[in-house]
């Protein structure tokens, strides 16, 4: 009996890990540095400066109008509203063949606590 296996030829990863807020972004930054293959790493934050300083290549600033890039100020409701404001960009980011998504966030701050459930 012969078995044949098809190796996927798609260029985008079907597994994605998204870090939300400062804590989640730090976790994803560490994973990215480990050189894990075939996983797409994304960081998502309301803090523009934190995004710009990260080495993770895939970034999404959420709540641009609401927070003006200054973070959620440890207010989970503000983080939630920021995610809702940016829900179309989030949907777009995850729409290209994502089959499995891991969300990592630190609980207790504004962006991670409020935006991760959205």
N, C-alpha and C. Protein backbone atom coordinates (compact mmCIF):
# COMPACT_ATOMS: atom_id res chain seq x y z
N UNK A 1 0.84 -1.17 0.00
CA UNK A 1 0.00 0.00 0.00
C UNK A 1 0.90 1.24 0.00
N UNK A 2 0.67 2.13 -0.95
CA UNK A 2 1.44 3.36 -1.06
C UNK A 2 0.64 4.54 -0.53
N UNK A 3 1.32 5.41 0.17
CA UNK A 3 0.70 6.63 0.68
C UNK A 3 1.38 7.82 0.05
N UNK A 4 0.60 8.79 -0.30
CA UNK A 4 1.18 10.04 -0.79
C UNK A 4 0.69 11.17 0.10
N UNK A 5 1.58 12.09 0.34
CA UNK A 5 1.25 13.23 1.18
C UNK A 5 1.51 14.50 0.41
N UNK A 6 0.56 15.38 0.45
CA UNK A 6 0.74 16.67 -0.20
C UNK A 6 1.33 17.65 0.79
N UNK A 7 2.36 18.32 0.36
CA UNK A 7 2.96 19.36 1.19
C UNK A 7 2.34 20.68 0.79
N UNK A 8 1.80 21.42 1.76
CA UNK A 8 1.17 22.70 1.42
C UNK A 8 2.16 23.63 0.74
N UNK A 9 1.67 24.32 -0.27
CA UNK A 9 2.53 25.24 -1.02
C UNK A 9 2.17 26.70 -0.77
N UNK A 10 1.23 26.94 0.10
CA UNK A 10 0.83 28.32 0.36
C UNK A 10 1.96 29.09 1.03
N UNK A 11 2.02 30.38 0.76
CA UNK A 11 3.11 31.18 1.30
C UNK A 11 2.79 31.75 2.68
N UNK A 12 1.53 31.90 3.02
CA UNK A 12 1.15 32.46 4.31
C UNK A 12 0.94 31.34 5.32
N UNK A 13 1.26 31.65 6.56
CA UNK A 13 1.07 30.67 7.63
C UNK A 13 -0.40 30.55 7.97
N UNK A 14 -0.84 29.34 8.25
CA UNK A 14 -2.23 29.15 8.67
C UNK A 14 -2.35 29.26 10.18
N UNK A 15 -1.21 29.22 10.87
CA UNK A 15 -1.19 29.38 12.33
C UNK A 15 -0.66 30.77 12.64
N UNK A 16 -1.41 31.50 13.44
CA UNK A 16 -1.00 32.85 13.81
C UNK A 16 -1.02 32.99 15.32
N UNK A 17 -0.07 33.77 15.82
CA UNK A 17 -0.01 34.11 17.23
C UNK A 17 -0.05 35.62 17.30
N UNK A 18 -1.06 36.14 17.99
CA UNK A 18 -1.20 37.59 18.11
C UNK A 18 -1.04 38.00 19.57
N UNK A 19 -0.16 38.94 19.79
CA UNK A 19 0.05 39.50 21.12
C UNK A 19 -0.72 40.79 21.23
N UNK A 20 -1.57 40.90 22.24
CA UNK A 20 -2.41 42.08 22.41
C UNK A 20 -1.93 42.85 23.63
N UNK A 21 -1.69 44.15 23.44
CA UNK A 21 -1.22 44.99 24.54
C UNK A 21 0.26 44.78 24.81
N UNK A 22 0.76 45.42 25.86
CA UNK A 22 2.18 45.34 26.19
C UNK A 22 2.64 43.96 26.58
N UNK A 23 1.91 43.31 27.47
CA UNK A 23 2.29 41.97 27.93
C UNK A 23 2.26 40.94 26.81
N UNK A 24 1.18 40.94 26.04
CA UNK A 24 1.06 40.01 24.93
C UNK A 24 2.10 40.25 23.85
N UNK A 25 2.39 41.53 23.59
CA UNK A 25 3.40 41.87 22.59
C UNK A 25 4.78 41.41 23.04
N UNK A 26 5.08 41.55 24.32
CA UNK A 26 6.37 41.08 24.83
C UNK A 26 6.50 39.56 24.69
N UNK A 27 5.43 38.84 24.95
CA UNK A 27 5.46 37.38 24.81
C UNK A 27 5.70 36.99 23.35
N UNK A 28 5.01 37.66 22.43
CA UNK A 28 5.17 37.35 21.01
C UNK A 28 6.57 37.75 20.53
N UNK A 29 7.07 38.85 21.02
CA UNK A 29 8.44 39.28 20.66
C UNK A 29 9.45 38.19 21.05
N UNK A 30 9.28 37.61 22.22
CA UNK A 30 10.17 36.53 22.67
C UNK A 30 10.03 35.30 21.76
N UNK A 31 8.80 34.92 21.42
CA UNK A 31 8.59 33.77 20.53
C UNK A 31 9.22 34.02 19.17
N UNK A 32 9.03 35.22 18.65
CA UNK A 32 9.58 35.59 17.34
C UNK A 32 11.10 35.48 17.34
N UNK A 33 11.73 35.91 18.42
CA UNK A 33 13.19 35.84 18.54
C UNK A 33 13.70 34.40 18.54
N UNK A 34 12.86 33.45 18.96
CA UNK A 34 13.26 32.04 19.00
C UNK A 34 13.35 31.43 17.61
N UNK A 35 12.81 32.12 16.60
CA UNK A 35 12.91 31.64 15.23
C UNK A 35 11.95 30.51 14.89
N UNK A 36 10.83 30.46 15.55
CA UNK A 36 9.83 29.42 15.28
C UNK A 36 9.35 29.55 13.84
N UNK A 37 9.35 28.46 13.11
CA UNK A 37 9.00 28.46 11.69
C UNK A 37 7.51 28.17 11.47
N UNK A 38 7.02 28.61 10.32
CA UNK A 38 5.66 28.33 9.85
C UNK A 38 4.57 28.87 10.77
N UNK A 39 4.88 29.89 11.51
CA UNK A 39 3.91 30.58 12.36
C UNK A 39 4.06 32.06 12.08
N UNK A 40 2.94 32.74 11.90
CA UNK A 40 2.98 34.18 11.70
C UNK A 40 2.75 34.87 13.04
N UNK A 41 3.67 35.74 13.39
CA UNK A 41 3.58 36.48 14.65
C UNK A 41 3.10 37.90 14.37
N UNK A 42 2.15 38.35 15.19
CA UNK A 42 1.55 39.67 15.03
C UNK A 42 1.48 40.32 16.40
N UNK A 43 1.75 41.61 16.47
CA UNK A 43 1.50 42.34 17.70
C UNK A 43 0.46 43.41 17.43
N UNK A 44 -0.35 43.64 18.43
CA UNK A 44 -1.49 44.55 18.32
C UNK A 44 -1.51 45.40 19.59
N UNK A 45 -1.49 46.72 19.42
CA UNK A 45 -1.42 47.57 20.60
C UNK A 45 -2.03 48.93 20.29
N UNK A 46 -2.41 49.64 21.34
CA UNK A 46 -2.88 51.02 21.20
C UNK A 46 -1.71 51.99 21.30
N UNK A 47 -0.58 51.54 21.80
CA UNK A 47 0.59 52.37 22.04
C UNK A 47 1.51 52.36 20.81
N UNK A 48 1.49 53.45 20.06
CA UNK A 48 2.26 53.53 18.81
C UNK A 48 3.76 53.36 19.06
N UNK A 49 4.26 53.98 20.11
CA UNK A 49 5.68 53.93 20.41
C UNK A 49 6.14 52.49 20.70
N UNK A 50 5.33 51.75 21.42
CA UNK A 50 5.66 50.35 21.72
C UNK A 50 5.70 49.52 20.44
N UNK A 51 4.78 49.77 19.53
CA UNK A 51 4.76 49.05 18.25
C UNK A 51 6.01 49.36 17.44
N UNK A 52 6.35 50.64 17.37
CA UNK A 52 7.50 51.05 16.56
C UNK A 52 8.81 50.47 17.07
N UNK A 53 8.92 50.26 18.37
CA UNK A 53 10.17 49.77 18.93
C UNK A 53 10.31 48.25 18.90
N UNK A 54 9.27 47.55 18.47
CA UNK A 54 9.30 46.09 18.46
C UNK A 54 9.95 45.55 17.19
N UNK A 55 10.63 44.43 17.31
CA UNK A 55 11.27 43.77 16.17
C UNK A 55 10.31 42.83 15.43
N UNK A 56 9.12 42.62 15.97
CA UNK A 56 8.13 41.77 15.30
C UNK A 56 7.66 42.51 14.04
N UNK A 57 7.73 41.89 12.87
CA UNK A 57 7.42 42.61 11.63
C UNK A 57 5.94 42.92 11.40
N UNK A 58 5.04 42.10 11.90
CA UNK A 58 3.61 42.30 11.64
C UNK A 58 2.98 43.03 12.82
N UNK A 59 2.51 44.25 12.57
CA UNK A 59 2.01 45.10 13.64
C UNK A 59 0.68 45.72 13.25
N UNK A 60 -0.16 45.90 14.25
CA UNK A 60 -1.43 46.58 14.04
C UNK A 60 -1.68 47.53 15.20
N UNK A 61 -1.78 48.80 14.87
CA UNK A 61 -2.15 49.78 15.89
C UNK A 61 -3.67 49.88 15.89
N UNK A 62 -4.26 49.64 17.05
CA UNK A 62 -5.72 49.71 17.16
C UNK A 62 -6.12 50.97 17.91
N UNK A 63 -7.35 51.41 17.64
CA UNK A 63 -7.88 52.57 18.35
C UNK A 63 -7.14 53.86 18.06
N UNK A 64 -6.72 54.04 16.82
CA UNK A 64 -5.94 55.23 16.45
C UNK A 64 -6.69 56.51 16.79
N UNK A 65 -7.96 56.58 16.44
CA UNK A 65 -8.74 57.80 16.72
C UNK A 65 -9.02 57.95 18.21
N UNK A 66 -9.33 56.86 18.87
CA UNK A 66 -9.69 56.90 20.29
C UNK A 66 -8.49 57.25 21.18
N UNK A 67 -7.37 56.59 20.96
CA UNK A 67 -6.23 56.75 21.87
C UNK A 67 -5.15 57.68 21.34
N UNK A 68 -5.21 57.99 20.06
CA UNK A 68 -4.20 58.83 19.41
C UNK A 68 -2.79 58.27 19.60
N UNK A 69 -2.69 56.95 19.68
CA UNK A 69 -1.40 56.28 19.79
C UNK A 69 -0.78 56.31 21.17
N UNK A 70 -1.54 56.73 22.17
CA UNK A 70 -0.98 56.90 23.52
C UNK A 70 -1.32 55.78 24.49
N UNK A 71 -1.88 54.69 24.03
CA UNK A 71 -2.21 53.59 24.91
C UNK A 71 -3.60 53.73 25.51
N UNK A 72 -3.99 52.72 26.28
CA UNK A 72 -5.33 52.68 26.87
C UNK A 72 -5.36 53.15 28.31
N UNK A 73 -4.22 53.52 28.85
CA UNK A 73 -4.18 54.08 30.20
C UNK A 73 -4.66 53.15 31.29
N UNK A 74 -4.38 51.86 31.16
CA UNK A 74 -4.80 50.85 32.16
C UNK A 74 -6.31 50.80 32.35
N UNK A 75 -7.05 51.17 31.30
CA UNK A 75 -8.52 51.15 31.34
C UNK A 75 -9.02 50.12 30.34
N UNK A 76 -9.44 48.94 30.83
CA UNK A 76 -9.88 47.88 29.93
C UNK A 76 -11.01 48.29 28.98
N UNK A 77 -11.93 49.11 29.43
CA UNK A 77 -13.02 49.54 28.55
C UNK A 77 -12.48 50.34 27.37
N UNK A 78 -11.45 51.11 27.61
CA UNK A 78 -10.81 51.89 26.54
C UNK A 78 -10.13 50.93 25.55
N UNK A 79 -9.50 49.89 26.07
CA UNK A 79 -8.89 48.87 25.21
C UNK A 79 -9.93 48.15 24.37
N UNK A 80 -11.06 47.85 24.97
CA UNK A 80 -12.16 47.19 24.25
C UNK A 80 -12.67 48.09 23.13
N UNK A 81 -12.89 49.35 23.45
CA UNK A 81 -13.38 50.30 22.45
C UNK A 81 -12.37 50.48 21.31
N UNK A 82 -11.09 50.45 21.64
CA UNK A 82 -10.05 50.55 20.62
C UNK A 82 -10.13 49.37 19.65
N UNK A 83 -10.33 48.17 20.19
CA UNK A 83 -10.45 46.98 19.34
C UNK A 83 -11.71 47.05 18.48
N UNK A 84 -12.79 47.53 19.06
CA UNK A 84 -14.02 47.65 18.28
C UNK A 84 -13.86 48.67 17.16
N UNK A 85 -13.16 49.76 17.44
CA UNK A 85 -12.90 50.77 16.41
C UNK A 85 -12.11 50.17 15.24
N UNK A 86 -11.23 49.23 15.54
CA UNK A 86 -10.33 48.66 14.53
C UNK A 86 -10.74 47.26 14.09
N UNK A 87 -11.97 46.87 14.35
CA UNK A 87 -12.37 45.49 14.08
C UNK A 87 -12.23 45.09 12.61
N UNK A 88 -12.42 46.02 11.68
CA UNK A 88 -12.27 45.67 10.26
C UNK A 88 -10.81 45.36 9.92
N UNK A 89 -9.89 46.14 10.48
CA UNK A 89 -8.47 45.87 10.24
C UNK A 89 -8.07 44.53 10.87
N UNK A 90 -8.61 44.23 12.04
CA UNK A 90 -8.33 42.95 12.70
C UNK A 90 -8.86 41.80 11.84
N UNK A 91 -10.08 41.95 11.37
CA UNK A 91 -10.69 40.91 10.53
C UNK A 91 -9.86 40.69 9.26
N UNK A 92 -9.42 41.78 8.66
CA UNK A 92 -8.62 41.71 7.44
C UNK A 92 -7.28 41.00 7.69
N UNK A 93 -6.67 41.31 8.81
CA UNK A 93 -5.39 40.72 9.18
C UNK A 93 -5.49 39.20 9.33
N UNK A 94 -6.62 38.73 9.78
CA UNK A 94 -6.80 37.30 10.06
C UNK A 94 -7.55 36.55 8.96
N UNK A 95 -7.95 37.24 7.90
CA UNK A 95 -8.82 36.63 6.90
C UNK A 95 -8.07 35.80 5.86
N UNK A 96 -6.77 35.90 5.79
CA UNK A 96 -6.03 35.25 4.71
C UNK A 96 -5.53 33.86 5.08
N UNK A 97 -6.44 32.95 5.24
CA UNK A 97 -6.08 31.55 5.45
C UNK A 97 -5.79 31.13 6.87
N UNK A 98 -6.14 31.95 7.83
CA UNK A 98 -5.91 31.59 9.23
C UNK A 98 -6.78 30.40 9.61
N UNK A 99 -6.15 29.34 10.09
CA UNK A 99 -6.88 28.15 10.54
C UNK A 99 -6.83 28.01 12.06
N UNK A 100 -5.77 28.54 12.67
CA UNK A 100 -5.61 28.45 14.12
C UNK A 100 -5.00 29.76 14.61
N UNK A 101 -5.60 30.31 15.66
CA UNK A 101 -5.14 31.58 16.20
C UNK A 101 -4.91 31.45 17.70
N UNK A 102 -3.73 31.84 18.14
CA UNK A 102 -3.42 31.92 19.56
C UNK A 102 -3.36 33.39 19.93
N UNK A 103 -4.10 33.76 20.96
CA UNK A 103 -4.12 35.14 21.44
C UNK A 103 -3.43 35.17 22.78
N UNK A 104 -2.42 36.02 22.91
CA UNK A 104 -1.73 36.16 24.18
C UNK A 104 -1.83 37.61 24.64
N UNK A 105 -2.15 37.77 25.91
CA UNK A 105 -2.30 39.10 26.49
C UNK A 105 -2.07 39.03 27.99
N UNK A 106 -1.53 40.09 28.52
CA UNK A 106 -1.40 40.20 29.97
C UNK A 106 -2.70 40.77 30.52
N UNK A 107 -3.19 40.21 31.59
CA UNK A 107 -4.42 40.71 32.19
C UNK A 107 -4.09 41.70 33.30
N UNK A 108 -4.81 42.82 33.30
CA UNK A 108 -4.61 43.82 34.34
C UNK A 108 -4.38 45.20 33.78
N UNK A 109 -3.90 45.29 32.55
CA UNK A 109 -3.71 46.58 31.91
C UNK A 109 -4.95 46.97 31.13
N UNK A 110 -4.81 47.90 30.23
CA UNK A 110 -5.96 48.38 29.47
C UNK A 110 -6.16 47.65 28.15
N UNK A 111 -5.13 47.65 27.31
CA UNK A 111 -5.29 47.09 25.96
C UNK A 111 -5.46 45.58 25.99
N UNK A 112 -4.56 44.86 26.63
CA UNK A 112 -4.65 43.40 26.67
C UNK A 112 -5.93 42.92 27.31
N UNK A 113 -6.28 43.48 28.45
CA UNK A 113 -7.47 43.06 29.19
C UNK A 113 -8.74 43.38 28.41
N UNK A 114 -8.79 44.55 27.81
CA UNK A 114 -10.01 44.98 27.13
C UNK A 114 -10.14 44.51 25.70
N UNK A 115 -9.02 44.47 24.96
CA UNK A 115 -9.08 44.18 23.53
C UNK A 115 -9.00 42.69 23.20
N UNK A 116 -8.30 41.89 24.00
CA UNK A 116 -8.13 40.47 23.67
C UNK A 116 -9.45 39.72 23.49
N UNK A 117 -10.46 39.96 24.33
CA UNK A 117 -11.73 39.24 24.13
C UNK A 117 -12.48 39.62 22.85
N UNK A 118 -12.18 40.79 22.31
CA UNK A 118 -12.89 41.25 21.10
C UNK A 118 -12.38 40.47 19.91
